[in-house]
């Protein structure tokens, strides 16, 4: 089924929290870096994998990722301060540990699924993304993060848009790879005089059987009185 998702931040407010497709911030040990902050379903901060000398296809347990977690959290905290969630990036881990989310994006490339070892081919996706939640890389990609990432991919000039294949904007369908596979979302954004807004976000959601069993009911309950 298709799940049509939108939040107050996406419908009643602008997608670009700061009004910019790119913001430049200074991070200790990295210097000045570019990031894009987009608010749809969940506010997210996007950076390119090259900022951390990563390929972009690392998995959750990759040592390179583990070594970068403190820096990633500082970048996330900086984004949280920019949008007013905390007054100090160092406090974000305690005061706003989940929001904003942070994602690392890169151009599409081949890699192997973290969970089942199946190949993910570059020609199947428009770009690669890895999202971090609660100070660790998510093994998959949540629905709310998918909405925001898909919207960011279609906003000209964002870091996500820069790494995204042009066919996504043409078809208004964004396909990107996460650690365990790929996900697809239909997205439409609208540029108005006062900013960029989300018109549509639709994605397929999977489900699994939770229980199967039998209920034993006395035959007497079915007898006519």
N, C-alpha and C. Protein backbone atom coordinates (compact mmCIF):
# COMPACT_ATOMS: atom_id res chain seq x y z
N UNK A 1 0.83 -1.19 0.00
CA UNK A 1 0.00 0.00 0.00
C UNK A 1 0.87 1.25 0.00
N UNK A 2 0.27 2.35 -0.42
CA UNK A 2 0.99 3.61 -0.41
C UNK A 2 0.64 4.38 0.84
N UNK A 3 1.64 4.92 1.47
CA UNK A 3 1.45 5.69 2.70
C UNK A 3 1.74 7.15 2.38
N UNK A 4 0.72 7.98 2.41
CA UNK A 4 0.91 9.40 2.12
C UNK A 4 1.27 10.13 3.39
N UNK A 5 2.50 10.59 3.44
CA UNK A 5 3.03 11.13 4.69
C UNK A 5 3.36 12.61 4.56
N UNK A 6 2.96 13.38 5.54
CA UNK A 6 3.34 14.79 5.59
C UNK A 6 3.15 15.25 7.01
N UNK A 7 3.93 16.21 7.44
CA UNK A 7 3.81 16.71 8.80
C UNK A 7 3.54 18.19 8.79
N UNK A 8 3.27 18.71 9.97
CA UNK A 8 3.03 20.15 10.07
C UNK A 8 4.22 20.94 9.56
N UNK A 9 5.41 20.44 9.82
CA UNK A 9 6.60 21.14 9.35
C UNK A 9 6.68 21.21 7.85
N UNK A 10 6.13 20.18 7.20
CA UNK A 10 6.19 20.14 5.76
C UNK A 10 5.04 20.90 5.10
N UNK A 11 3.86 20.87 5.72
CA UNK A 11 2.69 21.46 5.10
C UNK A 11 2.54 22.93 5.43
N UNK A 12 2.70 23.29 6.69
CA UNK A 12 2.45 24.67 7.08
C UNK A 12 3.72 25.51 7.14
N UNK A 13 4.87 24.87 7.01
CA UNK A 13 6.12 25.62 7.07
C UNK A 13 7.00 25.29 5.89
N UNK A 14 8.08 26.01 5.77
CA UNK A 14 9.00 25.80 4.66
C UNK A 14 9.87 24.58 4.92
N UNK A 15 10.23 23.90 3.83
CA UNK A 15 11.10 22.74 3.94
C UNK A 15 12.50 23.12 4.37
N UNK A 16 12.94 24.29 3.95
CA UNK A 16 14.29 24.74 4.28
C UNK A 16 14.24 25.55 5.58
N UNK A 17 14.67 24.92 6.65
CA UNK A 17 14.56 25.53 7.98
C UNK A 17 15.28 26.87 8.08
N UNK A 18 16.43 26.98 7.44
CA UNK A 18 17.21 28.21 7.51
C UNK A 18 16.97 29.12 6.31
N UNK A 19 16.20 28.63 5.34
CA UNK A 19 15.99 29.39 4.12
C UNK A 19 17.08 29.18 3.10
N UNK A 20 18.09 28.38 3.45
CA UNK A 20 19.23 28.12 2.55
C UNK A 20 19.28 26.66 2.13
N UNK A 21 19.68 26.41 0.91
CA UNK A 21 19.89 25.02 0.48
C UNK A 21 21.19 24.47 1.05
N UNK A 22 22.12 25.37 1.31
CA UNK A 22 23.41 25.00 1.90
C UNK A 22 23.74 25.98 3.02
N UNK A 23 24.16 25.44 4.16
CA UNK A 23 24.68 26.27 5.24
C UNK A 23 26.12 25.83 5.49
N UNK A 24 26.97 26.77 5.83
CA UNK A 24 28.38 26.48 6.11
C UNK A 24 28.62 26.66 7.60
N UNK A 25 29.15 25.63 8.24
CA UNK A 25 29.43 25.68 9.67
C UNK A 25 30.87 25.28 9.91
N UNK A 26 31.38 25.68 11.05
CA UNK A 26 32.76 25.33 11.42
C UNK A 26 32.71 24.23 12.48
N UNK A 27 33.41 23.14 12.20
CA UNK A 27 33.45 21.99 13.10
C UNK A 27 34.91 21.73 13.49
N UNK A 28 35.21 21.66 14.79
CA UNK A 28 36.57 21.37 15.22
C UNK A 28 37.10 20.10 14.56
N UNK A 29 38.32 20.15 14.13
CA UNK A 29 39.03 19.06 13.44
C UNK A 29 38.67 18.94 11.96
N UNK A 30 37.55 19.56 11.57
CA UNK A 30 37.16 19.50 10.16
C UNK A 30 37.25 20.86 9.48
N UNK A 31 37.11 21.92 10.26
CA UNK A 31 37.06 23.26 9.66
C UNK A 31 35.66 23.55 9.15
N UNK A 32 35.57 24.35 8.09
CA UNK A 32 34.27 24.70 7.54
C UNK A 32 33.74 23.58 6.65
N UNK A 33 32.49 23.20 6.87
CA UNK A 33 31.86 22.17 6.05
C UNK A 33 30.49 22.64 5.59
N UNK A 34 30.00 22.02 4.53
CA UNK A 34 28.67 22.32 4.02
C UNK A 34 27.66 21.32 4.59
N UNK A 35 26.47 21.82 4.88
CA UNK A 35 25.37 20.93 5.25
C UNK A 35 24.06 21.52 4.74
N UNK A 36 23.10 20.64 4.58
CA UNK A 36 21.75 21.05 4.18
C UNK A 36 20.79 20.61 5.28
N UNK A 37 19.96 21.52 5.73
CA UNK A 37 18.97 21.21 6.77
C UNK A 37 17.59 21.29 6.14
N UNK A 38 16.87 20.18 6.18
CA UNK A 38 15.54 20.10 5.56
C UNK A 38 14.56 19.56 6.60
N UNK A 39 13.34 20.11 6.63
CA UNK A 39 12.33 19.70 7.60
C UNK A 39 11.10 19.16 6.88
N UNK A 40 10.99 17.85 6.81
CA UNK A 40 9.79 17.20 6.27
C UNK A 40 9.65 15.88 7.01
N UNK A 41 8.56 15.72 7.76
CA UNK A 41 8.32 14.55 8.61
C UNK A 41 9.23 14.57 9.85
N UNK A 42 10.53 14.71 9.65
CA UNK A 42 11.50 14.94 10.71
C UNK A 42 12.55 15.91 10.19
N UNK A 43 13.01 16.86 11.00
CA UNK A 43 14.11 17.71 10.54
C UNK A 43 15.38 16.87 10.42
N UNK A 44 16.09 17.06 9.31
CA UNK A 44 17.32 16.30 9.07
C UNK A 44 18.44 17.21 8.60
N UNK A 45 19.64 16.82 8.96
CA UNK A 45 20.85 17.50 8.50
C UNK A 45 21.57 16.53 7.57
N UNK A 46 21.95 17.01 6.40
CA UNK A 46 22.63 16.17 5.42
C UNK A 46 24.05 16.68 5.18
N UNK A 47 24.99 15.75 5.14
CA UNK A 47 26.38 16.07 4.78
C UNK A 47 26.85 15.06 3.75
N UNK A 48 27.89 15.41 3.02
CA UNK A 48 28.46 14.47 2.06
C UNK A 48 29.45 13.56 2.76
N UNK A 49 29.53 12.34 2.32
CA UNK A 49 30.42 11.36 2.94
C UNK A 49 31.88 11.78 2.88
N UNK A 50 32.24 12.50 1.83
CA UNK A 50 33.64 12.92 1.65
C UNK A 50 34.12 13.83 2.76
N UNK A 51 33.19 14.52 3.45
CA UNK A 51 33.57 15.41 4.56
C UNK A 51 34.29 14.62 5.64
N UNK A 52 33.88 13.36 5.82
CA UNK A 52 34.47 12.51 6.86
C UNK A 52 35.42 11.48 6.28
N UNK A 53 35.81 11.69 5.03
CA UNK A 53 36.69 10.74 4.33
C UNK A 53 36.10 9.34 4.29
N UNK A 54 34.80 9.28 4.07
CA UNK A 54 34.10 8.01 3.95
C UNK A 54 33.68 7.79 2.50
N UNK A 55 33.49 6.55 2.13
CA UNK A 55 33.03 6.24 0.78
C UNK A 55 31.53 6.46 0.64
N UNK A 56 30.81 6.32 1.76
CA UNK A 56 29.36 6.46 1.74
C UNK A 56 28.62 5.14 1.76
N UNK A 57 29.34 4.04 1.56
CA UNK A 57 28.68 2.72 1.54
C UNK A 57 29.08 1.88 2.76
N UNK A 58 29.66 2.51 3.76
CA UNK A 58 30.00 1.80 4.99
C UNK A 58 28.73 1.30 5.70
N UNK A 59 28.88 0.23 6.47
CA UNK A 59 27.76 -0.31 7.25
C UNK A 59 27.83 0.15 8.69
N UNK A 60 26.80 -0.17 9.48
CA UNK A 60 26.72 0.28 10.87
C UNK A 60 27.89 -0.14 11.75
N UNK A 61 28.50 -1.27 11.45
CA UNK A 61 29.58 -1.78 12.30
C UNK A 61 30.96 -1.53 11.72
N UNK A 62 31.02 -0.79 10.63
CA UNK A 62 32.32 -0.48 10.04
C UNK A 62 33.14 0.37 11.01
N UNK A 63 34.40 0.03 11.18
CA UNK A 63 35.24 0.74 12.14
C UNK A 63 35.38 2.22 11.78
N UNK A 64 35.37 2.53 10.49
CA UNK A 64 35.47 3.93 10.08
C UNK A 64 34.28 4.73 10.61
N UNK A 65 33.12 4.10 10.60
CA UNK A 65 31.92 4.76 11.12
C UNK A 65 32.02 4.93 12.63
N UNK A 66 32.41 3.89 13.31
CA UNK A 66 32.55 3.96 14.77
C UNK A 66 33.52 5.05 15.18
N UNK A 67 34.61 5.19 14.42
CA UNK A 67 35.61 6.21 14.73
C UNK A 67 35.08 7.62 14.51
N UNK A 68 34.05 7.76 13.68
CA UNK A 68 33.51 9.09 13.34
C UNK A 68 32.31 9.50 14.17
N UNK A 69 31.82 8.63 15.03
CA UNK A 69 30.56 8.89 15.72
C UNK A 69 30.55 10.18 16.53
N UNK A 70 31.65 10.48 17.21
CA UNK A 70 31.70 11.71 18.01
C UNK A 70 31.61 12.94 17.12
N UNK A 71 32.31 12.89 15.98
CA UNK A 71 32.26 14.03 15.05
C UNK A 71 30.89 14.15 14.43
N UNK A 72 30.29 13.03 14.07
CA UNK A 72 28.95 13.03 13.50
C UNK A 72 27.95 13.63 14.49
N UNK A 73 28.08 13.27 15.75
CA UNK A 73 27.18 13.80 16.78
C UNK A 73 27.37 15.30 16.96
N UNK A 74 28.61 15.77 16.84
CA UNK A 74 28.86 17.21 16.96
C UNK A 74 28.23 17.97 15.79
N UNK A 75 28.31 17.40 14.60
CA UNK A 75 27.68 18.03 13.44
C UNK A 75 26.17 18.05 13.62
N UNK A 76 25.61 16.94 14.07
CA UNK A 76 24.18 16.86 14.32
C UNK A 76 23.76 17.88 15.39
N UNK A 77 24.56 17.99 16.44
CA UNK A 77 24.27 18.95 17.49
C UNK A 77 24.32 20.39 17.00
N UNK A 78 25.25 20.64 16.08
CA UNK A 78 25.36 21.98 15.49
C UNK A 78 24.11 22.31 14.69
N UNK A 79 23.62 21.32 13.95
CA UNK A 79 22.38 21.52 13.19
C UNK A 79 21.20 21.75 14.14
N UNK A 80 21.17 21.00 15.23
CA UNK A 80 20.10 21.18 16.22
C UNK A 80 20.12 22.59 16.80
N UNK A 81 21.31 23.13 17.01
CA UNK A 81 21.40 24.50 17.52
C UNK A 81 20.91 25.50 16.48
N UNK A 82 21.28 25.29 15.23
CA UNK A 82 20.88 26.20 14.16
C UNK A 82 19.37 26.33 14.07
N UNK A 83 18.65 25.22 14.27
CA UNK A 83 17.19 25.27 14.14
C UNK A 83 16.49 25.48 15.48
N UNK A 84 17.28 25.78 16.52
CA UNK A 84 16.71 26.21 17.79
C UNK A 84 16.31 25.13 18.76
N UNK A 85 16.80 23.90 18.58
CA UNK A 85 16.46 22.82 19.50
C UNK A 85 17.31 22.83 20.76
N UNK A 86 18.53 23.33 20.66
CA UNK A 86 19.44 23.43 21.80
C UNK A 86 20.21 24.75 21.69
N UNK A 87 20.81 25.19 22.79
CA UNK A 87 21.61 26.41 22.74
C UNK A 87 23.10 26.11 22.67
N UNK A 88 23.44 24.82 22.75
CA UNK A 88 24.84 24.41 22.71
C UNK A 88 24.90 23.04 22.03
N UNK A 89 25.67 22.90 20.94
CA UNK A 89 25.76 21.60 20.25
C UNK A 89 26.14 20.45 21.18
N UNK A 90 26.93 20.73 22.19
CA UNK A 90 27.37 19.69 23.12
C UNK A 90 26.23 19.15 23.97
N UNK A 91 25.13 19.91 24.08
CA UNK A 91 23.99 19.48 24.89
C UNK A 91 22.99 18.63 24.10
N UNK A 92 23.17 18.56 22.80
CA UNK A 92 22.18 17.89 21.96
C UNK A 92 22.03 16.41 22.30
N UNK A 93 23.11 15.76 22.68
CA UNK A 93 23.06 14.34 23.01
C UNK A 93 22.11 14.05 24.16
N UNK A 94 21.96 15.01 25.09
CA UNK A 94 21.09 14.85 26.25
C UNK A 94 19.73 15.51 26.03
N UNK A 95 19.74 16.75 25.53
CA UNK A 95 18.52 17.53 25.43
C UNK A 95 17.69 17.23 24.18
N UNK A 96 18.34 16.79 23.12
CA UNK A 96 17.63 16.46 21.88
C UNK A 96 18.36 15.32 21.17
N UNK A 97 18.36 14.13 21.77
CA UNK A 97 19.17 13.03 21.26
C UNK A 97 18.71 12.44 19.92
N UNK A 98 17.45 12.62 19.59
CA UNK A 98 16.91 12.01 18.37
C UNK A 98 16.74 13.00 17.22
N UNK A 99 16.46 14.24 17.53
CA UNK A 99 16.17 15.26 16.52
C UNK A 99 17.16 16.40 16.66
N UNK A 100 17.76 16.90 15.62
CA UNK A 100 17.55 16.47 14.25
C UNK A 100 18.30 15.18 13.91
N UNK A 101 17.81 14.48 12.88
CA UNK A 101 18.53 13.33 12.37
C UNK A 101 19.69 13.82 11.51
N UNK A 102 20.67 12.97 11.31
CA UNK A 102 21.77 13.30 10.41
C UNK A 102 21.93 12.17 9.41
N UNK A 103 22.14 12.53 8.15
CA UNK A 103 22.36 11.53 7.11
C UNK A 103 23.59 11.90 6.29
N UNK A 104 24.33 10.87 5.91
CA UNK A 104 25.50 11.02 5.04
C UNK A 104 25.10 10.56 3.65
N UNK A 105 25.31 11.40 2.65
CA UNK A 105 24.90 11.05 1.29
C UNK A 105 26.09 11.03 0.34
N UNK A 106 25.95 10.22 -0.70
CA UNK A 106 27.00 10.12 -1.73
C UNK A 106 26.37 9.67 -3.04
N UNK A 107 27.10 9.78 -4.13
CA UNK A 107 26.62 9.34 -5.43
C UNK A 107 26.36 7.83 -5.41
N UNK A 108 25.50 7.36 -6.30
CA UNK A 108 25.17 5.94 -6.35
C UNK A 108 26.41 5.10 -6.66
N UNK A 109 26.50 3.95 -6.03
CA UNK A 109 27.61 3.03 -6.22
C UNK A 109 27.19 1.64 -5.77
N UNK A 110 27.93 0.64 -6.23
CA UNK A 110 27.63 -0.74 -5.86
C UNK A 110 28.06 -1.01 -4.42
N UNK A 111 27.27 -1.82 -3.72
CA UNK A 111 27.69 -2.28 -2.40
C UNK A 111 26.88 -3.52 -2.02
N UNK A 112 27.16 -4.08 -0.87
CA UNK A 112 26.49 -5.29 -0.40
C UNK A 112 25.62 -4.97 0.80
N UNK A 113 24.40 -5.51 0.82
CA UNK A 113 23.48 -5.28 1.92
C UNK A 113 24.07 -5.75 3.24
N UNK A 114 23.92 -4.92 4.25
CA UNK A 114 24.44 -5.23 5.58
C UNK A 114 23.72 -6.41 6.22
N UNK A 115 22.42 -6.56 5.96
CA UNK A 115 21.63 -7.57 6.66
C UNK A 115 21.58 -8.93 5.99
N UNK A 116 21.55 -8.97 4.65
CA UNK A 116 21.41 -10.27 3.98
C UNK A 116 22.49 -10.58 2.95
N UNK A 117 23.43 -9.65 2.75
CA UNK A 117 24.53 -9.90 1.83
C UNK A 117 24.19 -9.80 0.36
N UNK A 118 22.96 -9.40 0.04
CA UNK A 118 22.58 -9.26 -1.37
C UNK A 118 23.20 -7.99 -1.96
N UNK A 119 23.53 -8.02 -3.26
CA UNK A 119 24.13 -6.83 -3.87
C UNK A 119 23.11 -5.72 -4.12
N UNK A 120 23.54 -4.50 -3.94
CA UNK A 120 22.76 -3.33 -4.33
C UNK A 120 23.56 -2.65 -5.43
N UNK A 121 22.96 -2.55 -6.60
CA UNK A 121 23.69 -2.04 -7.77
C UNK A 121 23.47 -0.54 -7.94
N UNK A 122 24.50 0.11 -8.42
CA UNK A 122 24.43 1.56 -8.62
C UNK A 122 23.33 1.95 -9.59
N UNK A 123 23.05 1.10 -10.59
CA UNK A 123 22.03 1.44 -11.58
C UNK A 123 20.61 1.26 -11.06
N UNK A 124 20.47 0.72 -9.85
CA UNK A 124 19.15 0.56 -9.23
C UNK A 124 18.74 1.78 -8.41
N UNK A 125 19.68 2.63 -8.09
CA UNK A 125 19.43 3.73 -7.15
C UNK A 125 19.89 5.07 -7.73
N UNK A 126 19.41 6.15 -7.13
CA UNK A 126 19.78 7.50 -7.56
C UNK A 126 20.91 8.07 -6.72
N UNK A 127 21.08 7.56 -5.51
CA UNK A 127 22.19 7.97 -4.64
C UNK A 127 22.21 7.02 -3.45
N UNK A 128 23.18 7.21 -2.57
CA UNK A 128 23.31 6.38 -1.37
C UNK A 128 23.17 7.28 -0.14
N UNK A 129 22.50 6.77 0.90
CA UNK A 129 22.37 7.54 2.14
C UNK A 129 22.48 6.61 3.34
N UNK A 130 23.06 7.14 4.39
CA UNK A 130 23.17 6.45 5.67
C UNK A 130 22.65 7.41 6.75
N UNK A 131 21.61 7.01 7.48
CA UNK A 131 21.03 7.89 8.48
C UNK A 131 21.46 7.45 9.87
N UNK A 132 21.67 8.42 10.74
CA UNK A 132 22.08 8.16 12.12
C UNK A 132 20.96 8.54 13.07
N UNK A 133 20.68 7.61 13.99
CA UNK A 133 19.61 7.82 14.97
C UNK A 133 20.11 7.40 16.35
N UNK A 134 20.00 8.28 17.30
CA UNK A 134 20.44 8.03 18.68
C UNK A 134 21.92 7.62 18.70
N UNK A 135 22.72 8.37 17.98
CA UNK A 135 24.19 8.25 17.99
C UNK A 135 24.71 6.94 17.40
N UNK A 136 23.94 6.35 16.49
CA UNK A 136 24.46 5.20 15.75
C UNK A 136 23.79 5.13 14.38
N UNK A 137 24.47 4.45 13.46
CA UNK A 137 23.91 4.33 12.12
C UNK A 137 22.73 3.36 12.14
N UNK A 138 21.63 3.78 11.52
CA UNK A 138 20.45 2.93 11.42
C UNK A 138 20.72 1.81 10.41
N UNK A 139 20.28 0.60 10.72
CA UNK A 139 20.51 -0.54 9.82
C UNK A 139 19.67 -0.44 8.55
N UNK A 140 18.55 0.28 8.64
CA UNK A 140 17.72 0.47 7.46
C UNK A 140 17.44 1.97 7.28
N UNK A 141 16.18 2.34 7.04
CA UNK A 141 15.83 3.75 6.87
C UNK A 141 14.37 3.91 7.26
N UNK A 142 14.10 4.78 8.22
CA UNK A 142 12.74 4.95 8.71
C UNK A 142 11.88 5.68 7.68
N UNK A 143 10.55 5.55 7.84
CA UNK A 143 9.62 6.20 6.90
C UNK A 143 9.75 7.72 6.96
N UNK A 144 9.85 8.27 8.17
CA UNK A 144 9.96 9.73 8.28
C UNK A 144 11.25 10.25 7.67
N UNK A 145 12.35 9.53 7.88
CA UNK A 145 13.62 9.93 7.28
C UNK A 145 13.57 9.81 5.77
N UNK A 146 12.81 8.82 5.28
CA UNK A 146 12.66 8.64 3.83
C UNK A 146 11.92 9.82 3.22
N UNK A 147 10.87 10.28 3.90
CA UNK A 147 10.12 11.44 3.41
C UNK A 147 11.04 12.66 3.29
N UNK A 148 11.81 12.91 4.33
CA UNK A 148 12.68 14.09 4.33
C UNK A 148 13.79 13.96 3.30
N UNK A 149 14.39 12.79 3.21
CA UNK A 149 15.48 12.59 2.25
C UNK A 149 14.97 12.70 0.82
N UNK A 150 13.78 12.14 0.57
CA UNK A 150 13.20 12.25 -0.76
C UNK A 150 12.91 13.69 -1.14
N UNK A 151 12.37 14.45 -0.18
CA UNK A 151 12.09 15.87 -0.43
C UNK A 151 13.38 16.63 -0.70
N UNK A 152 14.40 16.37 0.10
CA UNK A 152 15.69 17.06 -0.07
C UNK A 152 16.30 16.77 -1.43
N UNK A 153 16.08 15.57 -1.94
CA UNK A 153 16.65 15.18 -3.23
C UNK A 153 16.08 16.00 -4.38
N UNK A 154 14.84 16.50 -4.21
CA UNK A 154 14.21 17.26 -5.29
C UNK A 154 14.26 18.77 -5.10
N UNK A 155 14.95 19.22 -4.07
CA UNK A 155 15.13 20.66 -3.89
C UNK A 155 16.45 21.07 -4.52
N UNK A 156 16.40 21.80 -5.62
CA UNK A 156 17.64 22.16 -6.33
C UNK A 156 18.66 22.82 -5.41
N UNK A 157 19.89 22.31 -5.46
CA UNK A 157 20.99 22.92 -4.73
C UNK A 157 21.35 22.28 -3.42
N UNK A 158 20.46 21.46 -2.83
CA UNK A 158 20.83 20.80 -1.58
C UNK A 158 21.92 19.77 -1.85
N UNK A 159 22.59 19.34 -0.79
CA UNK A 159 23.64 18.34 -0.95
C UNK A 159 23.06 17.02 -1.47
N UNK A 160 21.83 16.72 -1.05
CA UNK A 160 21.18 15.50 -1.54
C UNK A 160 20.89 15.62 -3.02
N UNK A 161 20.39 16.77 -3.43
CA UNK A 161 20.10 17.02 -4.84
C UNK A 161 21.37 16.94 -5.68
N UNK A 162 22.48 17.37 -5.14
CA UNK A 162 23.73 17.37 -5.89
C UNK A 162 24.24 15.97 -6.20
N UNK A 163 23.97 15.02 -5.28
CA UNK A 163 24.45 13.65 -5.51
C UNK A 163 23.39 12.78 -6.18
N UNK A 164 22.17 13.29 -6.29
CA UNK A 164 21.06 12.51 -6.83
C UNK A 164 21.05 12.52 -8.35
N UNK A 165 20.76 11.37 -8.95
CA UNK A 165 20.65 11.27 -10.41
C UNK A 165 19.52 12.15 -10.91
N UNK A 166 19.70 12.75 -12.07
CA UNK A 166 18.72 13.69 -12.61
C UNK A 166 17.37 13.04 -12.92
N UNK A 167 17.37 11.74 -13.17
CA UNK A 167 16.11 11.06 -13.50
C UNK A 167 15.09 11.17 -12.37
N UNK A 168 15.56 11.32 -11.13
CA UNK A 168 14.64 11.42 -9.99
C UNK A 168 13.75 12.65 -10.13
N UNK A 169 14.33 13.77 -10.48
CA UNK A 169 13.56 15.00 -10.64
C UNK A 169 12.61 14.91 -11.83
N UNK A 170 13.05 14.22 -12.86
CA UNK A 170 12.22 14.08 -14.06
C UNK A 170 10.99 13.22 -13.79
N UNK A 171 11.17 12.13 -13.04
CA UNK A 171 10.08 11.20 -12.79
C UNK A 171 9.35 11.47 -11.48
N UNK A 172 9.94 12.33 -10.66
CA UNK A 172 9.41 12.61 -9.31
C UNK A 172 9.34 11.33 -8.47
N UNK A 173 10.26 10.44 -8.73
CA UNK A 173 10.42 9.20 -7.97
C UNK A 173 11.88 9.10 -7.56
N UNK A 174 12.11 9.01 -6.25
CA UNK A 174 13.47 8.98 -5.72
C UNK A 174 13.76 7.57 -5.20
N UNK A 175 14.86 6.98 -5.65
CA UNK A 175 15.29 5.66 -5.19
C UNK A 175 16.69 5.80 -4.60
N UNK A 176 16.84 5.43 -3.36
CA UNK A 176 18.18 5.53 -2.78
C UNK A 176 18.53 4.30 -1.96
N UNK A 177 19.82 4.06 -1.84
CA UNK A 177 20.29 2.89 -1.13
C UNK A 177 20.61 3.18 0.32
N UNK A 178 20.19 2.29 1.20
CA UNK A 178 20.54 2.36 2.62
C UNK A 178 21.33 1.11 2.98
N UNK A 179 21.80 0.95 4.21
CA UNK A 179 22.67 -0.18 4.54
C UNK A 179 22.12 -1.55 4.18
N UNK A 180 20.80 -1.72 4.23
CA UNK A 180 20.21 -3.04 4.02
C UNK A 180 19.51 -3.22 2.68
N UNK A 181 19.57 -2.24 1.81
CA UNK A 181 18.91 -2.38 0.52
C UNK A 181 18.58 -1.03 -0.08
N UNK A 182 17.40 -0.93 -0.68
CA UNK A 182 17.01 0.34 -1.29
C UNK A 182 15.56 0.64 -0.96
N UNK A 183 15.18 1.89 -1.10
CA UNK A 183 13.82 2.33 -0.84
C UNK A 183 13.41 3.34 -1.90
N UNK A 184 12.13 3.34 -2.24
CA UNK A 184 11.63 4.23 -3.28
C UNK A 184 10.51 5.11 -2.71
N UNK A 185 10.48 6.35 -3.11
CA UNK A 185 9.44 7.27 -2.66
C UNK A 185 9.05 8.21 -3.79
N UNK A 186 7.75 8.42 -3.93
CA UNK A 186 7.24 9.42 -4.88
C UNK A 186 7.19 10.76 -4.16
N UNK A 187 7.76 11.77 -4.77
CA UNK A 187 7.85 13.08 -4.10
C UNK A 187 7.55 14.21 -5.07
N UNK A 188 6.86 15.20 -4.56
CA UNK A 188 6.67 16.45 -5.31
C UNK A 188 6.90 17.61 -4.35
N UNK A 189 7.74 18.54 -4.77
CA UNK A 189 7.95 19.75 -3.99
C UNK A 189 7.54 20.95 -4.84
N UNK A 190 7.17 22.00 -4.19
CA UNK A 190 6.71 23.19 -4.90
C UNK A 190 7.46 24.42 -4.41
N UNK A 191 8.03 25.14 -5.34
CA UNK A 191 8.74 26.37 -4.99
C UNK A 191 7.77 27.54 -5.11
N UNK A 192 7.56 28.19 -3.98
CA UNK A 192 6.73 29.38 -3.96
C UNK A 192 7.60 30.59 -3.67
N UNK A 193 6.99 31.75 -3.73
CA UNK A 193 7.73 32.98 -3.49
C UNK A 193 8.33 33.01 -2.10
N UNK A 194 7.60 32.41 -1.13
CA UNK A 194 8.06 32.46 0.26
C UNK A 194 8.91 31.27 0.66
N UNK A 195 9.09 30.30 -0.24
CA UNK A 195 9.92 29.16 0.11
C UNK A 195 9.53 27.90 -0.64
N UNK A 196 10.11 26.77 -0.24
CA UNK A 196 9.85 25.49 -0.88
C UNK A 196 8.96 24.65 0.04
N UNK A 197 7.90 24.04 -0.52
CA UNK A 197 6.94 23.28 0.25
C UNK A 197 6.78 21.87 -0.31
N UNK A 198 6.39 20.96 0.55
CA UNK A 198 6.15 19.58 0.15
C UNK A 198 4.70 19.42 -0.31
N UNK A 199 4.52 18.92 -1.54
CA UNK A 199 3.17 18.68 -2.06
C UNK A 199 2.75 17.23 -1.88
N UNK A 200 3.69 16.32 -2.03
CA UNK A 200 3.35 14.90 -1.97
C UNK A 200 4.55 14.08 -1.54
N UNK A 201 4.30 13.08 -0.72
CA UNK A 201 5.32 12.09 -0.37
C UNK A 201 4.60 10.77 -0.18
N UNK A 202 4.87 9.80 -1.04
CA UNK A 202 4.18 8.51 -0.98
C UNK A 202 5.19 7.39 -1.08
N UNK A 203 5.11 6.44 -0.15
CA UNK A 203 6.05 5.33 -0.17
C UNK A 203 5.35 4.04 0.19
N UNK A 204 5.94 2.95 -0.24
CA UNK A 204 5.41 1.63 0.06
C UNK A 204 5.92 1.21 1.43
N UNK A 205 5.02 0.77 2.28
CA UNK A 205 5.41 0.30 3.60
C UNK A 205 5.23 -1.20 3.68
N UNK A 206 6.16 -1.89 4.26
CA UNK A 206 6.07 -3.33 4.40
C UNK A 206 5.51 -3.69 5.77
N UNK A 207 4.97 -4.88 5.86
CA UNK A 207 4.45 -5.36 7.14
C UNK A 207 4.78 -6.84 7.28
N UNK A 208 4.72 -7.35 8.48
CA UNK A 208 4.97 -8.76 8.71
C UNK A 208 3.89 -9.32 9.63
N UNK A 209 3.65 -10.63 9.52
CA UNK A 209 2.66 -11.27 10.37
C UNK A 209 3.16 -11.28 11.81
N UNK A 210 2.32 -10.82 12.72
CA UNK A 210 2.70 -10.76 14.12
C UNK A 210 2.31 -12.01 14.90
N UNK A 211 1.20 -12.65 14.50
CA UNK A 211 0.73 -13.78 15.27
C UNK A 211 -0.16 -14.67 14.42
N UNK A 212 -0.14 -15.96 14.68
CA UNK A 212 -1.07 -16.90 14.09
C UNK A 212 -1.46 -17.90 15.17
N UNK A 213 -2.76 -18.16 15.32
CA UNK A 213 -3.16 -19.06 16.38
C UNK A 213 -4.62 -19.47 16.27
N UNK A 214 -5.11 -20.16 17.27
CA UNK A 214 -6.47 -20.65 17.29
C UNK A 214 -7.14 -20.22 18.59
N UNK A 215 -8.41 -19.95 18.51
CA UNK A 215 -9.21 -19.65 19.70
C UNK A 215 -10.23 -20.77 19.86
N UNK A 216 -10.31 -21.38 21.02
CA UNK A 216 -11.22 -22.50 21.27
C UNK A 216 -12.46 -21.98 21.98
N UNK A 217 -13.58 -22.09 21.30
CA UNK A 217 -14.85 -21.58 21.80
C UNK A 217 -15.78 -22.77 22.10
N UNK A 218 -16.40 -22.81 23.27
CA UNK A 218 -17.31 -23.93 23.61
C UNK A 218 -18.43 -24.06 22.59
N UNK A 219 -18.70 -25.30 22.17
CA UNK A 219 -19.73 -25.55 21.18
C UNK A 219 -21.10 -25.08 21.66
N UNK A 220 -21.27 -25.10 22.97
CA UNK A 220 -22.56 -24.71 23.53
C UNK A 220 -22.95 -23.29 23.18
N UNK A 221 -21.99 -22.44 22.93
CA UNK A 221 -22.28 -21.04 22.61
C UNK A 221 -22.92 -20.91 21.25
N UNK A 222 -22.81 -21.92 20.40
CA UNK A 222 -23.36 -21.84 19.05
C UNK A 222 -24.71 -22.54 18.93
N UNK A 223 -25.18 -23.20 20.01
CA UNK A 223 -26.44 -23.90 19.98
C UNK A 223 -27.61 -22.91 20.10
N UNK A 224 -28.64 -23.20 19.37
CA UNK A 224 -29.83 -22.35 19.42
C UNK A 224 -30.52 -22.48 20.77
N UNK A 225 -30.98 -21.38 21.27
CA UNK A 225 -31.67 -21.40 22.55
C UNK A 225 -33.16 -21.58 22.36
